[in-house]
Amino acid sequence: MQHASDVSFVCPTRYDRKLLTQSFKRQDFKVVSLRRIEFHNILSTLISLITIPYQAIVLWKAMRKADHIHLRCPGNLALLASLVQITLPRKRKTVKYAGNFSPSSSQPLSYKWQKRILSNTSVTKNIDVLVYGEWPGQSKNIKSFFTATYSQDDCAMFKKKYKEPNQFIFVGTLSSNKNPQLLVELVKHLNIQGIPSQAHFYGDGDMMEDLKIKSSDFKVGESIVSLSENREQMVKDDVFYFYGNQPKEVVQDGYRKAHFSFLASQSEGWPKAVAESMWYGCIPIVTPVSCVPWMLGISNNKNLGSRGIIFTDIDHTIAIIKQLLTQQEDINLLSQNAQKWSQEYTLEKFESEIVKLLQT
C-alpha cells in the first residue's frame, strides 16, 4: 500500500465468525463491499448464483480503473476475479496464491480451476502468480515467493543446547486440521522409551480441552527439588504445557528454548510457524504438505532433510530423533541449516521483491 497513491479493496466486509484483525497503518483507502460467494446450503447457493453477474460487473469496473490489479487466491470470489481479469489483458497484475500449489495435491474443484486459469498464458496475460515452493512443469508466469515475519536486525545465530528433557513446541490453532494430538502421542512415546521430553503448546482452538484431558494422566515420575539448604520437596514432572494465545514476544521466547517444532497439518500454503521456528534454530518436524519438503531440504522422498524431519508416523520419527540425539555434530548442523535458510527471508527482502513486482 505504501508504494501506491490510491488503493481500493474489493472484498466481502461481513463475516459470521471472529477474526484476528488489526488496523492498517494507512487508512486512506477505498472499500467496495461484495457478498461472500459460498455454496454450503441451498439458500447460500441460490443467493451466490443470483449475485454473481452483479459482482462480476463491480469487479470489472474496479479493475478497469486500476494501474495494478492484485488478487489473493484461492477462494470462490477469487475464482470470479480470475475470470474477470482475462478481459483486461493489458493491465499489470499479480496474484498471491496463498494455498497449496502442488500439482499432485487433492483440492476443491474451484481451486483447481483457478490454478489452470492463472497458469494459462494464452488467456491470462501480463501477470505474475506468486506461489509457495518450487514446482516442476509450471508456466513462465508462476514464480516462487515467500512470506516474512522478522527483520534483518533480528538475525542472529541461536546455539541450542541439547540437554534433557528435549523441548518440543507447537504454535498454531489447536484444531483437527493441525493434528496437535500427534505431538501428544509423540512425546508420550519418547518418554516411555526413556527419552525425557516435554511439549509446549501455544495457541487456542476447539481441541484445547480434549488435549488437556488426554495429556493430564501422563506423568514421568517424581523429582526432588531443593527449596533451600535444609528443605526439599517431591514434585511431579509435568510433560505437557498449554499457554493459549500469547503475544509474539512470549512465543519467540518459546522458540528460543525449544529444540524441535512440530506441525502435522493436513493442508498449508506457507506454514509460517515452521519458518518462524527455523529462524530460532528449532528442528522442524512437519507433514509433507505444500512446499514443506522444499523448506526442509528434502530430496529423494527421504524423511530426513538438511533442515528438518518429515513426519509420516510416530515410530519413524522417534527413530530419527534417537539417531540425531546420539550425533551432536549432525543435530547442530541441522539446527544451523534451518536458521540460515529461514533468515534469508526477511521483511526487508520481502519489501524489495514487492517493489520489483510493482515496477515491472
Protein backbone atom coordinates (compact mmCIF):
# COMPACT_ATOMS: atom_id res chain seq x y z
CA MET A 1 0.00 0.00 0.00
CA GLN A 2 2.84 2.41 0.76
CA HIS A 3 4.02 2.19 -2.86
CA ALA A 4 0.70 3.31 -4.40
CA SER A 5 -1.02 6.69 -4.42
CA ASP A 6 -4.56 5.20 -4.29
CA VAL A 7 -5.70 1.81 -3.02
CA SER A 8 -9.09 0.11 -3.31
CA PHE A 9 -10.18 -3.18 -1.72
CA VAL A 10 -12.95 -5.14 -3.41
CA CYS A 11 -13.99 -7.80 -0.91
CA PRO A 12 -16.63 -9.08 1.50
CA THR A 13 -16.89 -6.95 4.65
CA ARG A 14 -19.21 -9.07 6.80
CA TYR A 15 -18.23 -12.34 8.44
CA ASP A 16 -20.11 -14.71 10.73
CA ARG A 17 -17.07 -15.52 12.87
CA LYS A 18 -14.47 -13.72 14.93
CA LEU A 19 -11.42 -12.54 13.01
CA LEU A 20 -7.90 -11.83 14.19
CA THR A 21 -7.57 -8.29 12.85
CA GLN A 22 -5.61 -5.11 13.35
CA SER A 23 -5.82 -1.74 11.64
CA PHE A 24 -3.73 -0.90 8.60
CA LYS A 25 -1.15 1.79 9.25
CA ARG A 26 -2.53 3.60 6.22
CA GLN A 27 -6.23 4.46 6.36
CA ASP A 28 -6.84 6.49 3.16
CA PHE A 29 -8.14 3.58 1.12
CA LYS A 30 -11.48 2.80 -0.50
CA VAL A 31 -13.53 -0.31 0.24
CA VAL A 32 -16.01 -1.74 -2.25
CA SER A 33 -18.15 -4.30 -0.45
CA LEU A 34 -19.26 -7.58 -2.05
CA ARG A 35 -21.06 -10.64 -0.74
CA ARG A 36 -19.29 -13.85 0.11
CA ILE A 37 -19.75 -16.45 -2.60
CA GLU A 38 -20.49 -19.73 -0.85
CA PHE A 39 -22.32 -22.97 -1.54
CA HIS A 40 -22.74 -24.53 1.92
CA ASN A 41 -26.52 -24.91 1.65
CA ILE A 42 -29.40 -24.34 -0.79
CA LEU A 43 -30.06 -20.75 0.32
CA SER A 44 -26.43 -19.60 0.15
CA THR A 45 -26.01 -21.33 -3.21
CA LEU A 46 -29.10 -19.60 -4.62
CA ILE A 47 -28.03 -16.15 -3.36
CA SER A 48 -24.49 -16.63 -4.69
CA LEU A 49 -25.68 -17.67 -8.14
CA ILE A 50 -28.10 -14.73 -8.38
CA THR A 51 -25.47 -12.17 -7.31
CA ILE A 52 -22.55 -13.43 -9.45
CA PRO A 53 -23.38 -11.24 -12.52
CA TYR A 54 -23.57 -8.09 -10.35
CA GLN A 55 -20.36 -8.98 -8.51
CA ALA A 56 -18.57 -9.58 -11.80
CA ILE A 57 -19.57 -6.09 -13.01
CA VAL A 58 -18.35 -4.49 -9.77
CA LEU A 59 -15.01 -6.33 -10.06
CA TRP A 60 -14.58 -5.34 -13.71
CA LYS A 61 -15.26 -1.64 -13.03
CA ALA A 62 -12.76 -1.56 -10.16
CA MET A 63 -10.12 -3.43 -12.16
CA ARG A 64 -10.58 -1.17 -15.19
CA LYS A 65 -9.72 1.90 -13.08
CA ALA A 66 -6.58 0.38 -11.58
CA ASP A 67 -2.99 0.59 -12.81
CA HIS A 68 -2.15 -2.61 -10.96
CA ILE A 69 -4.52 -5.46 -10.06
CA HIS A 70 -3.65 -7.78 -7.18
CA LEU A 71 -5.66 -10.93 -6.48
CA ARG A 72 -5.50 -13.13 -3.40
CA CYS A 73 -6.26 -16.75 -4.24
CA PRO A 74 -7.65 -19.32 -3.77
CA GLY A 75 -11.29 -18.64 -2.96
CA ASN A 76 -14.71 -18.50 -4.59
CA LEU A 77 -14.65 -14.73 -5.09
CA ALA A 78 -11.04 -15.06 -6.30
CA LEU A 79 -12.23 -17.56 -8.93
CA LEU A 80 -14.69 -14.98 -10.24
CA ALA A 81 -11.95 -12.31 -10.19
CA SER A 82 -9.62 -14.69 -12.06
CA LEU A 83 -12.20 -14.93 -14.83
CA VAL A 84 -12.87 -11.17 -14.92
CA GLN A 85 -9.17 -10.27 -15.22
CA ILE A 86 -9.00 -12.18 -18.52
CA THR A 87 -10.99 -9.34 -20.11
CA LEU A 88 -8.24 -6.84 -19.17
CA PRO A 89 -5.10 -8.29 -20.80
CA ARG A 90 -3.14 -5.01 -20.84
CA LYS A 91 -3.47 -4.35 -17.12
CA ARG A 92 -0.46 -5.21 -14.96
CA LYS A 93 -1.44 -7.96 -12.50
CA THR A 94 -0.07 -10.03 -9.62
CA VAL A 95 -1.62 -12.91 -7.74
CA LYS A 96 -0.72 -14.18 -4.30
CA TYR A 97 -1.70 -17.84 -4.30
CA ALA A 98 -1.80 -18.40 -0.55
CA GLY A 99 -2.76 -22.07 -0.70
CA ASN A 100 -1.01 -25.28 -1.66
CA PHE A 101 0.17 -25.06 -5.30
CA SER A 102 1.37 -28.66 -5.51
CA PRO A 103 0.08 -30.20 -8.78
CA SER A 104 -0.48 -33.55 -7.05
CA SER A 105 -2.43 -32.29 -4.03
CA SER A 106 -6.11 -33.08 -3.51
CA GLN A 107 -8.02 -29.79 -3.64
CA PRO A 108 -11.55 -28.44 -4.25
CA LEU A 109 -12.57 -28.11 -7.88
CA SER A 110 -12.71 -24.29 -7.66
CA TYR A 111 -9.05 -24.22 -6.54
CA LYS A 112 -8.00 -26.38 -9.50
CA TRP A 113 -9.89 -24.09 -11.89
CA GLN A 114 -8.08 -21.04 -10.52
CA LYS A 115 -4.69 -22.71 -10.94
CA ARG A 116 -5.50 -23.63 -14.54
CA ILE A 117 -6.81 -20.17 -15.44
CA LEU A 118 -3.86 -18.35 -13.87
CA SER A 119 -1.29 -20.75 -15.39
CA ASN A 120 -2.73 -20.50 -18.88
CA THR A 121 -0.68 -17.76 -20.56
CA SER A 122 -2.92 -17.89 -23.64
CA VAL A 123 -5.86 -16.38 -21.76
CA THR A 124 -4.16 -14.79 -18.71
CA LYS A 125 -1.85 -12.00 -19.79
CA ASN A 126 0.63 -9.67 -18.09
CA ILE A 127 0.55 -11.46 -14.73
CA ASP A 128 2.92 -12.87 -12.09
CA VAL A 129 1.48 -15.64 -9.93
CA LEU A 130 3.35 -15.84 -6.62
CA VAL A 131 3.31 -19.34 -5.16
CA TYR A 132 4.95 -21.10 -2.22
CA GLY A 133 7.64 -23.59 -3.18
CA GLU A 134 9.16 -24.66 -6.46
CA TRP A 135 7.13 -26.98 -8.69
CA PRO A 136 8.18 -28.71 -11.94
CA GLY A 137 6.43 -28.15 -15.25
CA GLN A 138 4.94 -24.74 -14.48
CA SER A 139 4.26 -21.92 -16.96
CA LYS A 140 6.65 -18.96 -17.05
CA ASN A 141 4.30 -16.67 -15.11
CA ILE A 142 4.41 -18.91 -11.98
CA LYS A 143 7.05 -17.54 -9.59
CA SER A 144 8.25 -18.93 -6.27
CA PHE A 145 7.70 -16.44 -3.44
CA PHE A 146 7.77 -16.33 0.34
CA THR A 147 6.35 -14.68 3.45
CA ALA A 148 8.46 -12.89 6.06
CA THR A 149 7.98 -12.22 9.77
CA TYR A 150 11.28 -10.88 11.07
CA SER A 151 13.62 -8.04 10.16
CA GLN A 152 17.25 -8.20 9.12
CA ASP A 153 18.01 -6.65 12.53
CA ASP A 154 16.58 -9.79 14.20
CA CYS A 155 19.09 -12.10 12.51
CA ALA A 156 21.32 -13.96 14.95
CA MET A 157 22.79 -17.43 15.37
CA PHE A 158 20.94 -19.28 18.12
CA LYS A 159 23.01 -22.07 19.61
CA LYS A 160 20.89 -24.89 21.01
CA LYS A 161 21.98 -26.96 24.00
CA TYR A 162 20.57 -30.45 23.59
CA LYS A 163 20.13 -31.47 27.19
CA GLU A 164 17.23 -33.41 28.66
CA PRO A 165 14.33 -33.07 28.72
CA ASN A 166 14.05 -32.45 24.98
CA GLN A 167 11.77 -29.50 24.28
CA PHE A 168 9.06 -29.62 21.58
CA ILE A 169 6.92 -26.63 20.58
CA PHE A 170 3.61 -26.38 18.72
CA VAL A 171 2.41 -22.95 17.57
CA GLY A 172 -0.96 -22.58 15.88
CA THR A 173 -4.66 -23.33 16.12
CA LEU A 174 -5.50 -26.40 18.19
CA SER A 175 -7.78 -27.88 15.53
CA SER A 176 -8.17 -31.19 13.72
CA ASN A 177 -6.53 -29.78 10.57
CA LYS A 178 -3.30 -29.16 12.52
CA ASN A 179 -3.33 -32.53 14.35
CA PRO A 180 -1.78 -31.34 17.64
CA GLN A 181 -2.79 -34.67 19.26
CA LEU A 182 0.03 -36.32 17.31
CA LEU A 183 2.57 -34.28 19.26
CA VAL A 184 0.97 -35.50 22.49
CA GLU A 185 1.38 -39.09 21.27
CA LEU A 186 4.93 -38.50 20.03
CA VAL A 187 6.12 -37.02 23.33
CA LYS A 188 4.36 -39.75 25.34
CA HIS A 189 6.14 -42.46 23.33
CA LEU A 190 9.51 -40.71 23.64
CA ASN A 191 9.18 -40.66 27.42
CA ILE A 192 8.01 -44.28 27.53
CA GLN A 193 11.11 -45.24 25.55
CA GLY A 194 13.35 -43.45 28.05
CA ILE A 195 13.89 -40.18 26.16
CA PRO A 196 12.77 -37.40 28.55
CA SER A 197 10.75 -34.85 26.55
CA GLN A 198 8.26 -32.04 27.07
CA ALA A 199 5.73 -30.41 24.74
CA HIS A 200 4.68 -26.74 24.83
CA PHE A 201 1.50 -25.66 23.03
CA TYR A 202 0.98 -22.01 22.04
CA GLY A 203 -2.44 -21.27 20.58
CA ASP A 204 -6.11 -21.97 21.19
CA GLY A 205 -8.84 -23.94 19.48
CA ASP A 206 -11.67 -26.40 19.86
CA MET A 207 -9.27 -29.24 20.72
CA MET A 208 -7.74 -27.50 23.74
CA GLU A 209 -9.78 -29.22 26.46
CA ASP A 210 -9.56 -32.62 24.80
CA LEU A 211 -5.76 -32.33 24.58
CA LYS A 212 -5.54 -31.34 28.23
CA ILE A 213 -7.60 -34.39 29.21
CA LYS A 214 -5.52 -36.73 27.03
CA SER A 215 -2.26 -35.44 28.50
CA SER A 216 -3.29 -34.89 32.13
CA ASP A 217 -2.91 -38.54 33.20
CA PHE A 218 0.63 -38.85 31.85
CA LYS A 219 3.49 -38.21 34.29
CA VAL A 220 7.08 -39.36 34.05
CA GLY A 221 7.69 -39.80 37.76
CA GLU A 222 8.84 -37.62 40.58
CA SER A 223 11.87 -35.40 41.16
CA ILE A 224 13.48 -33.96 44.26
CA VAL A 225 13.61 -30.16 44.09
CA SER A 226 15.81 -28.31 46.60
CA LEU A 227 13.93 -25.32 48.05
CA SER A 228 16.66 -24.26 50.50
CA GLU A 229 19.72 -25.69 52.20
CA ASN A 230 17.62 -27.69 54.68
CA ARG A 231 14.37 -28.31 52.82
CA GLU A 232 13.48 -30.50 49.87
CA GLN A 233 10.15 -31.31 48.19
CA MET A 234 8.96 -34.13 45.94
CA VAL A 235 7.21 -32.75 42.83
CA LYS A 236 5.64 -34.27 39.72
CA ASP A 237 7.45 -33.71 36.42
CA ASP A 238 4.98 -32.11 34.00
CA VAL A 239 5.29 -33.12 30.37
CA PHE A 240 2.65 -31.05 28.60
CA TYR A 241 2.15 -27.28 28.87
CA PHE A 242 -0.71 -25.27 27.35
CA TYR A 243 -0.34 -21.49 27.17
CA GLY A 244 -3.22 -20.43 24.90
CA ASN A 245 -2.81 -17.41 22.62
CA GLN A 246 0.22 -15.37 23.64
CA PRO A 247 1.96 -12.15 22.47
CA LYS A 248 4.66 -12.70 19.87
CA GLU A 249 7.43 -11.98 22.41
CA VAL A 250 6.27 -14.91 24.56
CA VAL A 251 6.12 -17.23 21.55
CA GLN A 252 9.59 -16.12 20.44
CA ASP A 253 10.94 -16.99 23.87
CA GLY A 254 9.34 -20.41 23.45
CA TYR A 255 11.15 -20.85 20.12
CA ARG A 256 14.47 -19.95 21.76
CA LYS A 257 14.03 -22.63 24.41
CA ALA A 258 12.69 -25.35 22.09
CA HIS A 259 14.79 -27.98 20.34
CA PHE A 260 12.11 -29.20 17.92
CA SER A 261 8.96 -27.65 16.43
CA PHE A 262 6.01 -29.77 15.34
CA LEU A 263 3.23 -29.27 12.80
CA ALA A 264 1.25 -32.16 11.29
CA SER A 265 -1.12 -30.12 9.10
CA GLN A 266 -3.40 -31.69 6.55
CA SER A 267 -3.09 -28.59 4.34
CA GLU A 268 -0.91 -25.47 4.26
CA GLY A 269 0.23 -22.71 1.97
CA TRP A 270 3.33 -21.26 3.60
CA PRO A 271 3.50 -22.76 7.12
CA LYS A 272 4.51 -19.57 8.90
CA ALA A 273 5.01 -21.22 12.30
CA VAL A 274 7.53 -23.61 10.74
CA ALA A 275 9.57 -20.82 9.12
CA GLU A 276 9.50 -18.82 12.36
CA SER A 277 10.67 -21.77 14.46
CA MET A 278 13.52 -22.41 11.99
CA TRP A 279 14.61 -18.77 12.43
CA TYR A 280 15.41 -19.63 16.06
CA GLY A 281 17.15 -22.90 15.24
CA CYS A 282 14.32 -25.31 16.05
CA ILE A 283 14.45 -28.51 14.02
CA PRO A 284 11.01 -28.76 12.36
CA ILE A 285 9.03 -31.99 12.31
CA VAL A 286 6.33 -31.46 9.68
CA THR A 287 3.98 -33.40 7.42
CA PRO A 288 4.98 -33.24 3.71
CA VAL A 289 2.24 -30.84 2.56
CA SER A 290 2.58 -27.96 0.09
CA CYS A 291 6.13 -26.52 -0.02
CA VAL A 292 7.29 -28.19 3.23
CA PRO A 293 9.74 -30.68 1.60
CA TRP A 294 11.37 -27.74 -0.22
CA MET A 295 11.60 -25.75 3.02
CA LEU A 296 13.22 -28.68 4.84
CA GLY A 297 15.68 -29.53 2.07
CA ILE A 298 14.15 -32.97 1.49
CA SER A 299 15.34 -34.95 -1.53
CA ASN A 300 14.52 -38.38 -2.98
CA ASN A 301 11.42 -38.77 -0.78
CA LYS A 302 13.52 -39.17 2.36
CA ASN A 303 12.23 -38.44 5.87
CA LEU A 304 15.32 -36.50 6.98
CA GLY A 305 16.44 -33.44 5.06
CA SER A 306 19.22 -30.93 5.52
CA ARG A 307 16.93 -28.65 7.57
CA GLY A 308 14.28 -30.84 9.18
CA ILE A 309 12.28 -34.02 9.56
CA ILE A 310 9.25 -35.18 7.59
CA PHE A 311 6.61 -36.67 9.87
CA THR A 312 4.90 -39.77 8.47
CA ASP A 313 4.31 -41.80 11.63
CA ILE A 314 5.42 -41.80 15.26
CA ASP A 315 7.77 -44.81 15.10
CA HIS A 316 9.76 -43.47 12.12
CA THR A 317 10.03 -40.03 13.71
CA ILE A 318 11.23 -41.42 17.04
CA ALA A 319 13.89 -43.46 15.23
CA ILE A 320 15.19 -40.31 13.52
CA ILE A 321 15.13 -38.30 16.76
CA LYS A 322 17.04 -41.07 18.58
CA GLN A 323 19.65 -41.12 15.85
CA LEU A 324 20.10 -37.34 15.91
CA LEU A 325 20.40 -37.16 19.70
CA THR A 326 23.38 -39.52 19.56
CA GLN A 327 25.14 -37.44 16.89
CA GLN A 328 25.76 -33.97 18.32
CA GLU A 329 27.51 -32.71 15.21
CA ASP A 330 24.65 -33.71 12.92
CA ILE A 331 21.90 -32.24 15.10
CA ASN A 332 23.78 -28.94 15.46
CA LEU A 333 24.25 -28.78 11.68
CA LEU A 334 20.53 -29.39 11.12
CA SER A 335 19.67 -26.53 13.51
CA GLN A 336 22.19 -24.18 11.88
CA ASN A 337 20.93 -25.02 8.37
CA ALA A 338 17.35 -24.29 9.46
CA GLN A 339 18.39 -20.88 10.78
CA LYS A 340 20.43 -19.93 7.71
CA TRP A 341 17.57 -20.84 5.38
CA SER A 342 14.86 -19.03 7.35
CA GLN A 343 16.94 -15.90 7.91
CA GLU A 344 17.25 -15.44 4.15
CA TYR A 345 13.59 -14.35 4.14
CA THR A 346 13.49 -11.02 5.94
CA LEU A 347 10.91 -8.22 5.88
CA GLU A 348 13.41 -6.05 4.02
CA LYS A 349 13.84 -8.65 1.26
CA PHE A 350 10.08 -9.13 1.13
CA GLU A 351 9.59 -5.38 0.67
CA SER A 352 12.22 -5.10 -2.06
CA GLU A 353 10.69 -8.00 -4.00
CA ILE A 354 7.24 -6.35 -3.83
CA VAL A 355 8.72 -3.12 -5.20
CA LYS A 356 10.20 -5.05 -8.14
CA LEU A 357 6.79 -6.54 -8.93
CA LEU A 358 5.11 -3.13 -8.87
CA GLN A 359 7.77 -1.56 -11.08
CA THR A 360 7.73 -4.29 -13.72
